[in-house]
């Protein structure tokens, strides 16, 4: 059974186009793989609070519960 929070986070991805969803998944995976195991806990999927399209910068702004956010760029990088 899904929690309300899981449904809200799932809806964030639904609002993205298929290509944007793929971009998020690919860069998110690389981003997590670049972190140590302790750091990774802060950025688990359950910690994503918002994903915004940033058309002028050709990226997605991914916000986390700890207040941090990152830009996930179409070239597969983040910053």
Protein backbone atom coordinates (compact mmCIF):
# COMPACT_ATOMS: atom_id res chain seq x y z
CA UNK A 1 0.00 0.00 0.00
CA UNK A 2 1.42 3.38 -0.98
CA UNK A 3 1.65 6.20 1.49
CA UNK A 4 0.40 9.68 0.63
CA UNK A 5 4.01 10.87 0.40
CA UNK A 6 4.93 8.10 -2.05
CA UNK A 7 1.95 9.04 -4.21
CA UNK A 8 2.95 12.72 -4.17
CA UNK A 9 6.51 11.88 -5.20
CA UNK A 10 5.22 9.55 -7.90
CA UNK A 11 3.06 12.40 -9.19
CA UNK A 12 6.16 14.59 -9.51
CA UNK A 13 7.53 12.18 -12.10
CA UNK A 14 4.17 11.87 -13.84
CA UNK A 15 4.22 15.66 -14.42
CA UNK A 16 7.50 15.28 -16.30
CA UNK A 17 7.63 14.21 -19.92
CA UNK A 18 8.98 10.75 -20.68
CA UNK A 19 12.35 12.24 -21.68
CA UNK A 20 12.48 14.32 -18.50
CA UNK A 21 11.70 11.24 -16.42
CA UNK A 22 14.55 9.38 -18.14
CA UNK A 23 16.87 12.34 -17.53
CA UNK A 24 15.99 12.35 -13.84
CA UNK A 25 16.49 8.59 -13.48
CA UNK A 26 19.82 8.53 -15.32
CA UNK A 27 21.41 11.54 -13.61
CA UNK A 28 19.98 10.62 -10.20
CA UNK A 29 21.57 7.17 -10.43
CA UNK A 30 24.96 8.64 -11.38
CA UNK A 31 24.63 11.29 -8.68
CA UNK A 32 23.99 8.68 -5.97
CA UNK A 33 26.81 6.46 -7.24
CA UNK A 34 29.22 9.38 -6.79
CA UNK A 35 28.36 9.61 -3.07
CA UNK A 36 29.58 7.61 -0.12
CA UNK A 37 27.09 5.38 1.69
CA UNK A 38 26.45 7.85 4.54
CA UNK A 39 25.92 10.76 2.17
CA UNK A 40 23.64 8.63 -0.01
CA UNK A 41 21.19 8.26 2.89
CA UNK A 42 20.49 12.01 2.75
CA UNK A 43 19.56 11.79 -0.91
CA UNK A 44 17.42 8.66 -1.16
CA UNK A 45 14.42 8.81 -3.45
CA UNK A 46 12.18 9.28 -0.41
CA UNK A 47 14.08 12.53 0.29
CA UNK A 48 13.14 14.14 -3.04
CA UNK A 49 10.60 16.87 -2.28
CA UNK A 50 10.22 18.61 -5.64
CA UNK A 51 11.35 18.35 -9.26
CA UNK A 52 11.06 21.48 -11.38
CA UNK A 53 11.64 21.94 -15.09
CA UNK A 54 14.20 24.67 -15.80
CA UNK A 55 13.82 25.22 -19.54
CA UNK A 56 16.23 28.20 -19.90
CA UNK A 57 19.05 26.19 -18.29
CA UNK A 58 18.05 22.91 -19.99
CA UNK A 59 17.90 21.01 -16.73
CA UNK A 60 15.72 19.74 -13.90
CA UNK A 61 15.98 21.31 -10.46
CA UNK A 62 15.78 18.46 -7.95
CA UNK A 63 15.03 19.47 -4.34
CA UNK A 64 15.68 17.30 -1.29
CA UNK A 65 14.20 17.30 2.22
CA UNK A 66 17.47 18.54 3.75
CA UNK A 67 17.12 21.83 1.82
CA UNK A 68 19.77 21.00 -0.80
CA UNK A 69 18.93 21.07 -4.49
CA UNK A 70 20.80 20.19 -7.63
CA UNK A 71 20.47 20.86 -11.32
CA UNK A 72 20.35 17.69 -13.41
CA UNK A 73 21.55 18.64 -16.90
CA UNK A 74 20.72 17.03 -20.23
CA UNK A 75 24.39 16.09 -20.71
CA UNK A 76 24.15 13.77 -17.68
CA UNK A 77 25.92 16.03 -15.21
CA UNK A 78 24.64 17.76 -12.10
CA UNK A 79 25.58 20.81 -10.13
